[in-house]
Amino acid sequence: MAAWTASTMFALVAGARAVFDLLGRSVIWTVLRNKPVSELKKEVEVPQAAAVRG
């Protein structure tokens, strides 16, 4: 009985984590997708310029 309970709890925890992972990925994808390309390029260029100077 203890093994069954443990495996059931593990399945529930793993399933809950998978759901939250998918929700997080969809939120991140939505945020990144809605930004203009020029804005994304600026975000990428700034850290590279700072690394060259430093």
C-alpha atoms as a PDB file:
ATOM      1  CA  MET A   1       0.000   0.000   0.000  1.00  0.00           C
ATOM      2  CA  ALA A   2       2.841   2.412   0.805  1.00  0.00           C
ATOM      3  CA  ALA A   3       4.441   1.827  -2.596  1.00  0.00           C
ATOM      4  CA  TRP A   4       1.160   2.541  -4.353  1.00  0.00           C
ATOM      5  CA  THR A   5       0.672   5.740  -2.354  1.00  0.00           C
ATOM      6  CA  ALA A   6       4.218   6.888  -3.069  1.00  0.00           C
ATOM      7  CA  SER A   7       3.928   6.219  -6.789  1.00  0.00           C
ATOM      8  CA  THR A   8       0.583   8.006  -6.935  1.00  0.00           C
ATOM      9  CA  MET A   9       1.976  11.036  -5.122  1.00  0.00           C
ATOM     10  CA  PHE A  10       4.996  11.091  -7.431  1.00  0.00           C
ATOM     11  CA  ALA A  11       2.750  10.959 -10.497  1.00  0.00           C
ATOM     12  CA  LEU A  12       0.641  13.827  -9.187  1.00  0.00           C
ATOM     13  CA  VAL A  13       3.684  15.980  -8.407  1.00  0.00           C
ATOM     14  CA  ALA A  14       5.326  15.226 -11.766  1.00  0.00           C
ATOM     15  CA  GLY A  15       2.076  15.970 -13.577  1.00  0.00           C
ATOM     16  CA  ALA A  16       1.611  19.261 -11.733  1.00  0.00           C
ATOM     17  CA  ARG A  17       5.156  20.295 -12.579  1.00  0.00           C
ATOM     18  CA  ALA A  18       4.605  19.482 -16.236  1.00  0.00           C
ATOM     19  CA  VAL A  19       1.478  21.637 -16.284  1.00  0.00           C
ATOM     20  CA  PHE A  20       3.311  24.592 -14.715  1.00  0.00           C
ATOM     21  CA  ASP A  21       6.225  24.139 -17.149  1.00  0.00           C
ATOM     22  CA  LEU A  22       3.848  24.303 -20.084  1.00  0.00           C
ATOM     23  CA  LEU A  23       2.085  27.366 -18.668  1.00  0.00           C
ATOM     24  CA  GLY A  24       5.402  29.119 -18.112  1.00  0.00           C
ATOM     25  CA  ARG A  25       6.608  28.318 -21.596  1.00  0.00           C
ATOM     26  CA  SER A  26       3.417  29.624 -23.151  1.00  0.00           C
ATOM     27  CA  VAL A  27       3.670  32.882 -21.168  1.00  0.00           C
ATOM     28  CA  ILE A  28       7.304  33.384 -22.174  1.00  0.00           C
ATOM     29  CA  TRP A  29       6.517  32.558 -25.806  1.00  0.00           C
ATOM     30  CA  THR A  30       3.637  35.053 -25.827  1.00  0.00           C
ATOM     31  CA  VAL A  31       5.763  37.820 -24.332  1.00  0.00           C
ATOM     32  CA  LEU A  32       8.641  37.265 -26.736  1.00  0.00           C
ATOM     33  CA  ARG A  33       6.391  36.862 -29.747  1.00  0.00           C
ATOM     34  CA  ASN A  34       4.639  40.170 -29.154  1.00  0.00           C
ATOM     35  CA  LYS A  35       7.868  42.208 -29.153  1.00  0.00           C
ATOM     36  CA  PRO A  36       8.984  43.849 -32.395  1.00  0.00           C
ATOM     37  CA  VAL A  37      12.128  42.408 -33.956  1.00  0.00           C
ATOM     38  CA  SER A  38      13.991  45.715 -33.631  1.00  0.00           C
ATOM     39  CA  GLU A  39      13.385  45.655 -29.887  1.00  0.00           C
ATOM     40  CA  LEU A  40      14.723  42.111 -29.592  1.00  0.00           C
ATOM     41  CA  LYS A  41      17.844  43.058 -31.584  1.00  0.00           C
ATOM     42  CA  LYS A  42      18.524  45.979 -29.223  1.00  0.00           C
ATOM     43  CA  GLU A  43      18.319  43.675 -26.206  1.00  0.00           C
ATOM     44  CA  VAL A  44      20.813  41.290 -27.768  1.00  0.00           C
ATOM     45  CA  GLU A  45      23.248  44.022 -28.895  1.00  0.00           C
ATOM     46  CA  VAL A  46      23.490  45.846 -25.552  1.00  0.00           C
ATOM     47  CA  PRO A  47      25.038  42.983 -23.515  1.00  0.00           C
ATOM     48  CA  GLN A  48      27.516  42.224 -26.313  1.00  0.00           C
ATOM     49  CA  ALA A  49      28.673  45.858 -26.461  1.00  0.00           C
ATOM     50  CA  ALA A  50      29.094  45.946 -22.697  1.00  0.00           C
ATOM     51  CA  ALA A  51      31.138  42.735 -22.784  1.00  0.00           C
ATOM     52  CA  VAL A  52      33.485  44.180 -25.434  1.00  0.00           C
ATOM     53  CA  ARG A  53      34.145  47.330 -23.372  1.00  0.00           C
ATOM     54  CA  GLY A  54      34.593  45.495 -20.078  1.00  0.00           C
END
